PDB file of N, CA and C in Angstrom:
ATOM      1  N   MET A   1       2.613-139.121 -58.699  1.00  0.00           N
ATOM      2  CA  MET A   1       3.844-138.598 -59.274  1.00  0.00           C
ATOM      3  C   MET A   1       4.448-139.657 -60.189  1.00  0.00           C
ATOM      4  N   PHE A   2       4.979-139.263 -61.291  1.00  0.00           N
ATOM      5  CA  PHE A   2       5.595-140.162 -62.268  1.00  0.00           C
ATOM      6  C   PHE A   2       4.604-141.223 -62.748  1.00  0.00           C
ATOM      7  N   GLY A   3       3.307-140.943 -62.681  1.00  0.00           N
ATOM      8  CA  GLY A   3       2.299-141.897 -63.111  1.00  0.00           C
ATOM      9  C   GLY A   3       2.061-143.024 -62.121  1.00  0.00           C
ATOM     10  N   ASN A   4       2.571-142.889 -60.907  1.00  0.00           N
ATOM     11  CA  ASN A   4       2.407-143.899 -59.857  1.00  0.00           C
ATOM     12  C   ASN A   4       1.791-143.258 -58.625  1.00  0.00           C
ATOM     13  N   LEU A   5       1.608-144.057 -57.592  1.00  0.00           N
ATOM     14  CA  LEU A   5       1.060-143.571 -56.338  1.00  0.00           C
ATOM     15  C   LEU A   5       2.120-142.848 -55.524  1.00  0.00           C
ATOM     16  N   SER A   6       1.691-141.822 -54.807  1.00  0.00           N
ATOM     17  CA  SER A   6       2.577-141.134 -53.878  1.00  0.00           C
ATOM     18  C   SER A   6       1.729-140.569 -52.751  1.00  0.00           C
ATOM     19  N   ALA A   7       2.367-140.287 -51.628  1.00  0.00           N
ATOM     20  CA  ALA A   7       1.672-139.788 -50.450  1.00  0.00           C
ATOM     21  C   ALA A   7       2.237-138.421 -50.072  1.00  0.00           C
ATOM     22  N   PHE A   8       1.329-137.546 -49.645  1.00  0.00           N
ATOM     23  CA  PHE A   8       1.695-136.173 -49.319  1.00  0.00           C
ATOM     24  C   PHE A   8       1.179-135.789 -47.935  1.00  0.00           C
ATOM     25  N   VAL A   9       1.907-134.919 -47.257  1.00  0.00           N
ATOM     26  CA  VAL A   9       1.469-134.294 -46.010  1.00  0.00           C
ATOM     27  C   VAL A   9       1.701-132.807 -46.186  1.00  0.00           C
ATOM     28  N   ASN A  10       0.646-132.029 -45.995  1.00  0.00           N
ATOM     29  CA  ASN A  10       0.733-130.573 -46.155  1.00  0.00           C
ATOM     30  C   ASN A  10       1.337-130.185 -47.501  1.00  0.00           C
ATOM     31  N   GLY A  11       1.001-130.940 -48.533  1.00  0.00           N
ATOM     32  CA  GLY A  11       1.468-130.639 -49.880  1.00  0.00           C
ATOM     33  C   GLY A  11       2.876-131.109 -50.199  1.00  0.00           C
ATOM     34  N   ASN A  12       3.511-131.811 -49.253  1.00  0.00           N
ATOM     35  CA  ASN A  12       4.877-132.287 -49.458  1.00  0.00           C
ATOM     36  C   ASN A  12       4.894-133.811 -49.605  1.00  0.00           C
ATOM     37  N   MET A  13       5.479-134.293 -50.697  1.00  0.00           N
ATOM     38  CA  MET A  13       5.570-135.726 -50.916  1.00  0.00           C
ATOM     39  C   MET A  13       6.572-136.327 -49.934  1.00  0.00           C
ATOM     40  N   PHE A  14       6.168-137.443 -49.295  1.00  0.00           N
ATOM     41  CA  PHE A  14       7.075-138.100 -48.367  1.00  0.00           C
ATOM     42  C   PHE A  14       7.351-139.552 -48.728  1.00  0.00           C
ATOM     43  N   LEU A  15       6.550-140.146 -49.622  1.00  0.00           N
ATOM     44  CA  LEU A  15       6.863-141.477 -50.130  1.00  0.00           C
ATOM     45  C   LEU A  15       6.093-141.710 -51.407  1.00  0.00           C
ATOM     46  N   GLY A  16       6.545-142.701 -52.158  1.00  0.00           N
ATOM     47  CA  GLY A  16       5.855-143.005 -53.396  1.00  0.00           C
ATOM     48  C   GLY A  16       6.410-144.251 -54.053  1.00  0.00           C
ATOM     49  N   LEU A  17       5.766-144.612 -55.133  1.00  0.00           N
ATOM     50  CA  LEU A  17       6.209-145.736 -55.952  1.00  0.00           C
ATOM     51  C   LEU A  17       6.818-145.196 -57.230  1.00  0.00           C
ATOM     52  N   PHE A  18       7.895-145.832 -57.654  1.00  0.00           N
ATOM     53  CA  PHE A  18       8.511-145.523 -58.942  1.00  0.00           C
ATOM     54  C   PHE A  18       8.685-146.864 -59.623  1.00  0.00           C
ATOM     55  N   GLY A  19       7.790-147.181 -60.538  1.00  0.00           N
ATOM     56  CA  GLY A  19       7.745-148.534 -61.087  1.00  0.00           C
ATOM     57  C   GLY A  19       7.311-149.474 -59.980  1.00  0.00           C
ATOM     58  N   ASN A  20       8.108-150.492 -59.724  1.00  0.00           N
ATOM     59  CA  ASN A  20       7.823-151.441 -58.647  1.00  0.00           C
ATOM     60  C   ASN A  20       8.588-151.129 -57.370  1.00  0.00           C
ATOM     61  N   ASP A  21       9.270-150.001 -57.335  1.00  0.00           N
ATOM     62  CA  ASP A  21      10.118-149.656 -56.192  1.00  0.00           C
ATOM     63  C   ASP A  21       9.485-148.570 -55.336  1.00  0.00           C
ATOM     64  N   LEU A  22       9.788-148.628 -54.039  1.00  0.00           N
ATOM     65  CA  LEU A  22       9.277-147.660 -53.081  1.00  0.00           C
ATOM     66  C   LEU A  22      10.384-146.677 -52.722  1.00  0.00           C
ATOM     67  N   PHE A  23      10.038-145.385 -52.701  1.00  0.00           N
ATOM     68  CA  PHE A  23      11.012-144.383 -52.278  1.00  0.00           C
ATOM     69  C   PHE A  23      10.433-143.573 -51.129  1.00  0.00           C
ATOM     70  N   VAL A  24      11.318-143.017 -50.295  1.00  0.00           N
ATOM     71  CA  VAL A  24      10.924-142.219 -49.142  1.00  0.00           C
ATOM     72  C   VAL A  24      11.769-140.948 -49.096  1.00  0.00           C
ATOM     73  N   ARG A  25      11.209-139.928 -48.479  1.00  0.00           N
ATOM     74  CA  ARG A  25      11.950-138.682 -48.277  1.00  0.00           C
ATOM     75  C   ARG A  25      12.537-138.717 -46.873  1.00  0.00           C
ATOM     76  N   LEU A  26      13.834-138.479 -46.768  1.00  0.00           N
ATOM     77  CA  LEU A  26      14.520-138.583 -45.486  1.00  0.00           C
ATOM     78  C   LEU A  26      15.421-137.379 -45.227  1.00  0.00           C
ATOM     79  N   SER A  27      15.743-137.192 -43.950  1.00  0.00           N
ATOM     80  CA  SER A  27      16.717-136.164 -43.577  1.00  0.00           C
ATOM     81  C   SER A  27      18.083-136.593 -44.093  1.00  0.00           C
ATOM     82  N   GLY A  28      19.007-135.679 -44.154  1.00  0.00           N
ATOM     83  CA  GLY A  28      20.350-135.987 -44.633  1.00  0.00           C
ATOM     84  C   GLY A  28      21.011-137.099 -43.840  1.00  0.00           C
ATOM     85  N   GLU A  29      20.883-137.057 -42.525  1.00  0.00           N
ATOM     86  CA  GLU A  29      21.485-138.081 -41.663  1.00  0.00           C
ATOM     87  C   GLU A  29      20.875-139.455 -41.934  1.00  0.00           C
ATOM     88  N   ASP A  30      19.547-139.504 -42.047  1.00  0.00           N
ATOM     89  CA  ASP A  30      18.872-140.779 -42.311  1.00  0.00           C
ATOM     90  C   ASP A  30      19.193-141.293 -43.712  1.00  0.00           C
ATOM     91  N   GLN A  31      19.369-140.393 -44.666  1.00  0.00           N
ATOM     92  CA  GLN A  31      19.744-140.814 -46.022  1.00  0.00           C
ATOM     93  C   GLN A  31      21.079-141.545 -45.999  1.00  0.00           C
ATOM     94  N   LEU A  32      22.057-140.960 -45.310  1.00  0.00           N
ATOM     95  CA  LEU A  32      23.388-141.570 -45.246  1.00  0.00           C
ATOM     96  C   LEU A  32      23.329-142.945 -44.608  1.00  0.00           C
ATOM     97  N   GLU A  33      22.510-143.086 -43.554  1.00  0.00           N
ATOM     98  CA  GLU A  33      22.391-144.375 -42.876  1.00  0.00           C
ATOM     99  C   GLU A  33      21.751-145.411 -43.797  1.00  0.00           C
ATOM    100  N   LEU A  34      20.682-145.028 -44.486  1.00  0.00           N
ATOM    101  CA  LEU A  34      19.999-145.967 -45.366  1.00  0.00           C
ATOM    102  C   LEU A  34      20.855-146.336 -46.575  1.00  0.00           C
ATOM    103  N   LEU A  35      21.596-145.382 -47.108  1.00  0.00           N
ATOM    104  CA  LEU A  35      22.421-145.651 -48.290  1.00  0.00           C
ATOM    105  C   LEU A  35      23.572-146.617 -48.009  1.00  0.00           C
ATOM    106  N   LYS A  36      23.870-146.867 -46.738  1.00  0.00           N
ATOM    107  CA  LYS A  36      24.885-147.861 -46.380  1.00  0.00           C
ATOM    108  C   LYS A  36      24.361-149.279 -46.589  1.00  0.00           C
ATOM    109  N   MET A  37      23.042-149.419 -46.694  1.00  0.00           N
ATOM    110  CA  MET A  37      22.434-150.742 -46.817  1.00  0.00           C
ATOM    111  C   MET A  37      22.406-151.200 -48.266  1.00  0.00           C
ATOM    112  N   LYS A  38      22.689-152.471 -48.457  1.00  0.00           N
ATOM    113  CA  LYS A  38      22.720-153.051 -49.791  1.00  0.00           C
ATOM    114  C   LYS A  38      21.368-152.888 -50.476  1.00  0.00           C
ATOM    115  N   GLY A  39      21.385-152.358 -51.689  1.00  0.00           N
ATOM    116  CA  GLY A  39      20.169-152.214 -52.481  1.00  0.00           C
ATOM    117  C   GLY A  39      19.510-150.857 -52.396  1.00  0.00           C
ATOM    118  N   ALA A  40      19.888-150.034 -51.434  1.00  0.00           N
ATOM    119  CA  ALA A  40      19.327-148.679 -51.331  1.00  0.00           C
ATOM    120  C   ALA A  40      20.040-147.778 -52.332  1.00  0.00           C
ATOM    121  N   SER A  41      19.307-146.805 -52.878  1.00  0.00           N
ATOM    122  CA  SER A  41      19.921-145.879 -53.837  1.00  0.00           C
ATOM    123  C   SER A  41      19.143-144.570 -53.852  1.00  0.00           C
ATOM    124  N   VAL A  42      19.757-143.572 -54.414  1.00  0.00           N
ATOM    125  CA  VAL A  42      19.116-142.269 -54.578  1.00  0.00           C
ATOM    126  C   VAL A  42      18.066-142.390 -55.678  1.00  0.00           C
ATOM    127  N   LEU A  43      16.897-141.776 -55.472  1.00  0.00           N
ATOM    128  CA  LEU A  43      15.860-141.776 -56.505  1.00  0.00           C
ATOM    129  C   LEU A  43      16.337-140.933 -57.683  1.00  0.00           C
ATOM    130  N   GLU A  44      16.350-141.544 -58.838  1.00  0.00           N
ATOM    131  CA  GLU A  44      16.805-140.885 -60.062  1.00  0.00           C
ATOM    132  C   GLU A  44      15.771-141.172 -61.156  1.00  0.00           C
ATOM    133  N   PRO A  45      14.669-140.384 -61.196  1.00  0.00           N
ATOM    134  CA  PRO A  45      13.616-140.666 -62.169  1.00  0.00           C
ATOM    135  C   PRO A  45      14.071-140.547 -63.622  1.00  0.00           C
ATOM    136  N   MET A  46      15.058-139.702 -63.863  1.00  0.00           N
ATOM    137  CA  MET A  46      15.696-139.603 -65.186  1.00  0.00           C
ATOM    138  C   MET A  46      17.189-139.758 -64.951  1.00  0.00           C
ATOM    139  N   LYS A  47      17.822-140.598 -65.745  1.00  0.00           N
ATOM    140  CA  LYS A  47      19.251-140.866 -65.567  1.00  0.00           C
ATOM    141  C   LYS A  47      20.046-139.563 -65.481  1.00  0.00           C
ATOM    142  N   GLY A  48      20.839-139.464 -64.411  1.00  0.00           N
ATOM    143  CA  GLY A  48      21.656-138.273 -64.206  1.00  0.00           C
ATOM    144  C   GLY A  48      20.925-137.123 -63.542  1.00  0.00           C
ATOM    145  N   LYS A  49      19.657-137.342 -63.146  1.00  0.00           N
ATOM    146  CA  LYS A  49      18.849-136.295 -62.511  1.00  0.00           C
ATOM    147  C   LYS A  49      18.313-136.801 -61.163  1.00  0.00           C
ATOM    148  N   PRO A  50      19.175-136.908 -60.139  1.00  0.00           N
ATOM    149  CA  PRO A  50      18.710-137.389 -58.839  1.00  0.00           C
ATOM    150  C   PRO A  50      17.767-136.390 -58.176  1.00  0.00           C
ATOM    151  N   MET A  51      16.825-136.911 -57.396  1.00  0.00           N
ATOM    152  CA  MET A  51      15.910-136.060 -56.641  1.00  0.00           C
ATOM    153  C   MET A  51      16.444-135.915 -55.227  1.00  0.00           C
ATOM    154  N   LYS A  52      16.702-134.697 -54.822  1.00  0.00           N
ATOM    155  CA  LYS A  52      17.246-134.402 -53.508  1.00  0.00           C
ATOM    156  C   LYS A  52      16.314-134.937 -52.416  1.00  0.00           C
ATOM    157  N   ASP A  53      16.891-135.599 -51.428  1.00  0.00           N
ATOM    158  CA  ASP A  53      16.207-136.083 -50.220  1.00  0.00           C
ATOM    159  C   ASP A  53      15.410-137.368 -50.398  1.00  0.00           C
ATOM    160  N   TYR A  54      15.343-137.945 -51.597  1.00  0.00           N
ATOM    161  CA  TYR A  54      14.537-139.149 -51.806  1.00  0.00           C
ATOM    162  C   TYR A  54      15.436-140.361 -52.043  1.00  0.00           C
ATOM    163  N   ILE A  55      15.134-141.444 -51.302  1.00  0.00           N
ATOM    164  CA  ILE A  55      15.935-142.659 -51.357  1.00  0.00           C
ATOM    165  C   ILE A  55      15.043-143.850 -51.706  1.00  0.00           C
ATOM    166  N   MET A  56      15.528-144.688 -52.625  1.00  0.00           N
ATOM    167  CA  MET A  56      14.836-145.917 -52.986  1.00  0.00           C
ATOM    168  C   MET A  56      15.160-146.974 -51.930  1.00  0.00           C
ATOM    169  N   LEU A  57      14.129-147.627 -51.419  1.00  0.00           N
ATOM    170  CA  LEU A  57      14.340-148.679 -50.430  1.00  0.00           C
ATOM    171  C   LEU A  57      14.836-149.945 -51.117  1.00  0.00           C
ATOM    172  N   PRO A  58      15.646-150.724 -50.423  1.00  0.00           N
ATOM    173  CA  PRO A  58      16.134-151.973 -51.012  1.00  0.00           C
ATOM    174  C   PRO A  58      14.969-152.903 -51.376  1.00  0.00           C
ATOM    175  N   ARG A  59      15.027-153.506 -52.549  1.00  0.00           N
ATOM    176  CA  ARG A  59      13.974-154.425 -52.992  1.00  0.00           C
ATOM    177  C   ARG A  59      13.842-155.627 -52.074  1.00  0.00           C
ATOM    178  N   ALA A  60      14.928-156.065 -51.485  1.00  0.00           N
ATOM    179  CA  ALA A  60      14.901-157.234 -50.602  1.00  0.00           C
ATOM    180  C   ALA A  60      13.979-157.016 -49.401  1.00  0.00           C
ATOM    181  N   TRP A  61      13.764-155.768 -49.019  1.00  0.00           N
ATOM    182  CA  TRP A  61      12.902-155.482 -47.870  1.00  0.00           C
ATOM    183  C   TRP A  61      11.463-155.900 -48.116  1.00  0.00           C
ATOM    184  N   ARG A  62      11.045-155.971 -49.374  1.00  0.00           N
ATOM    185  CA  ARG A  62       9.659-156.361 -49.675  1.00  0.00           C
ATOM    186  C   ARG A  62       9.376-157.784 -49.242  1.00  0.00           C
ATOM    187  N   ASN A  63      10.344-158.661 -49.439  1.00  0.00           N
ATOM    188  CA  ASN A  63      10.129-160.076 -49.172  1.00  0.00           C
ATOM    189  C   ASN A  63      10.685-160.542 -47.834  1.00  0.00           C
ATOM    190  N   GLN A  64      11.607-159.791 -47.266  1.00  0.00           N
ATOM    191  CA  GLN A  64      12.224-160.195 -46.005  1.00  0.00           C
ATOM    192  C   GLN A  64      12.308-159.016 -45.049  1.00  0.00           C
ATOM    193  N   PRO A  65      11.159-158.543 -44.558  1.00  0.00           N
ATOM    194  CA  PRO A  65      11.214-157.419 -43.620  1.00  0.00           C
ATOM    195  C   PRO A  65      11.885-157.838 -42.320  1.00  0.00           C
ATOM    196  N   GLU A  66      12.682-156.950 -41.780  1.00  0.00           N
ATOM    197  CA  GLU A  66      13.337-157.212 -40.501  1.00  0.00           C
ATOM    198  C   GLU A  66      12.520-156.574 -39.399  1.00  0.00           C
ATOM    199  N   PRO A  67      12.507-157.185 -38.219  1.00  0.00           N
ATOM    200  CA  PRO A  67      11.753-156.591 -37.113  1.00  0.00           C
ATOM    201  C   PRO A  67      12.357-155.241 -36.706  1.00  0.00           C
ATOM    202  N   SER A  68      11.513-154.370 -36.252  1.00  0.00           N
ATOM    203  CA  SER A  68      11.945-153.054 -35.821  1.00  0.00           C
ATOM    204  C   SER A  68      12.804-153.166 -34.559  1.00  0.00           C
ATOM    205  N   THR A  69      13.819-152.331 -34.496  1.00  0.00           N
ATOM    206  CA  THR A  69      14.656-152.290 -33.291  1.00  0.00           C
ATOM    207  C   THR A  69      14.652-150.885 -32.706  1.00  0.00           C
ATOM    208  N   ASN A  70      13.537-150.176 -32.920  1.00  0.00           N
ATOM    209  CA  ASN A  70      13.470-148.782 -32.490  1.00  0.00           C
ATOM    210  C   ASN A  70      13.032-148.628 -31.041  1.00  0.00           C
ATOM    211  N   GLY A  71      12.930-149.728 -30.299  1.00  0.00           N
ATOM    212  CA  GLY A  71      12.583-149.633 -28.896  1.00  0.00           C
ATOM    213  C   GLY A  71      11.108-149.664 -28.600  1.00  0.00           C
ATOM    214  N   SER A  72      10.258-149.758 -29.640  1.00  0.00           N
ATOM    215  CA  SER A  72       8.835-149.824 -29.358  1.00  0.00           C
ATOM    216  C   SER A  72       8.467-151.210 -28.844  1.00  0.00           C
ATOM    217  N   PRO A  73       7.416-151.279 -28.040  1.00  0.00           N
ATOM    218  CA  PRO A  73       7.024-152.575 -27.484  1.00  0.00           C
ATOM    219  C   PRO A  73       6.554-153.539 -28.557  1.00  0.00           C
ATOM    220  N   ASP A  74       6.782-154.819 -28.319  1.00  0.00           N
ATOM    221  CA  ASP A  74       6.319-155.856 -29.225  1.00  0.00           C
ATOM    222  C   ASP A  74       4.789-155.930 -29.172  1.00  0.00           C
ATOM    223  N   PRO A  75       4.149-156.272 -30.305  1.00  0.00           N
ATOM    224  CA  PRO A  75       2.676-156.351 -30.311  1.00  0.00           C
ATOM    225  C   PRO A  75       2.172-157.504 -29.490  1.00  0.00           C
TER     226      PRO A  75
END
């Protein structure tokens, strides 16, 4: 999509690259939570044309990933 890589499940895109940035498709609740984080934004492939349900991940996450706190066991 957009001349970059993207991933699909059952024909539905759930993540992709837009330039050097990674975007993901999220539920409304998860979108609101992620958008509270510095650097996250709505995917807008053309200025003024946001894509519903897709959020750009903060660029800082590429270089400084934080450990998961979702309750899964440590490796």
